Amino acid sequence: MKLSVVATTIFTLTLGFYTPKVTAAPIKTPKTFTEWCQQKASLSKETRYTIKKLLKVAKTQNCSQANQTLSKFTILNLGEDKISDISPLSTLTNLTEINLHKNQISDISPLSTLTNLTEINLGENKITNIKPLSNLTNLTSLNLHENKISDINPLSNLTKLTSLNLHVNKISDINPLSNLTNLTEINLRGNKISDINPLSNLTNSTEINLGINKISDIKPLSNLTNLTEVDLTKNPLIVKQCPLKPESICKF
């Protein structure tokens, strides 16, 4: 009898100390701007700030009305807005042009869903990884100047590009550009490029900026007969002789 009482007491005490684990339900990624807006109280301050900016652009504080307005936009300008989180942009799939110049953006993965984009300005941000852009095959103009990019392999798919600005990054290998034969304007100034052979295929190019790199041989440019201007300033060139006619095309 005593044993039974002791066992019951131990069991009761054990239950008293037992706390069942509660697993939090996973937060679903919003599928519309309305959902982003309605959930903003539970989101990070960076995300809330972007939502605030989008509500301002939509000229309403009503989430549903803002969604109706923003979902019709084809052009969006959020340049110089101190934005760091662009997640709420992921649902604006009708966008064809977006300006995010001079913000504090490092993660551009939300752009991967915006496959109608033809023009993007992401200059002067904090971007290192551009893989999310590889899916945006309708791009014709891409500005990534003054970021921290070294790997440009994701650009190799973007064969519709006509204008590309990679000014002031950390790029040394430009082989991924060799197939982008529709390029007419290329800015590669202020990188770590020494081999420009991949540019020899880009025969539609009219303007190329290669200033402040590590280039010693410019013979690969001789193929590019449509060029009207080439900036080669501040490179360790062995011979400063333009391989193009007229030679005034080259700026040393």
Foldseek 3Di string as FASTA:
>chain_A
DVVVVVVVVVVVVVVVPDDDDDDDDDDDQDQFQLVLLVCVVVDDPLSVLVNVVLCVVLVHSRRVSSRVSQLPDQEEECDPPQHADPQSCLNNQNHQEYEHHQYAYADPLSCLNNQNHAYYAHDNYAYADDLSCLNNQNHQEYHHDPYAYADPLSCLNNQNHQYYHHHAYAYADPLSCLNNQNHAYYEPARYAYADPLSCLNNQNHAEYEHHPYAHADDLSCLNNQNHQAYEHHPYNHPDQFQSYPPRVRYDD
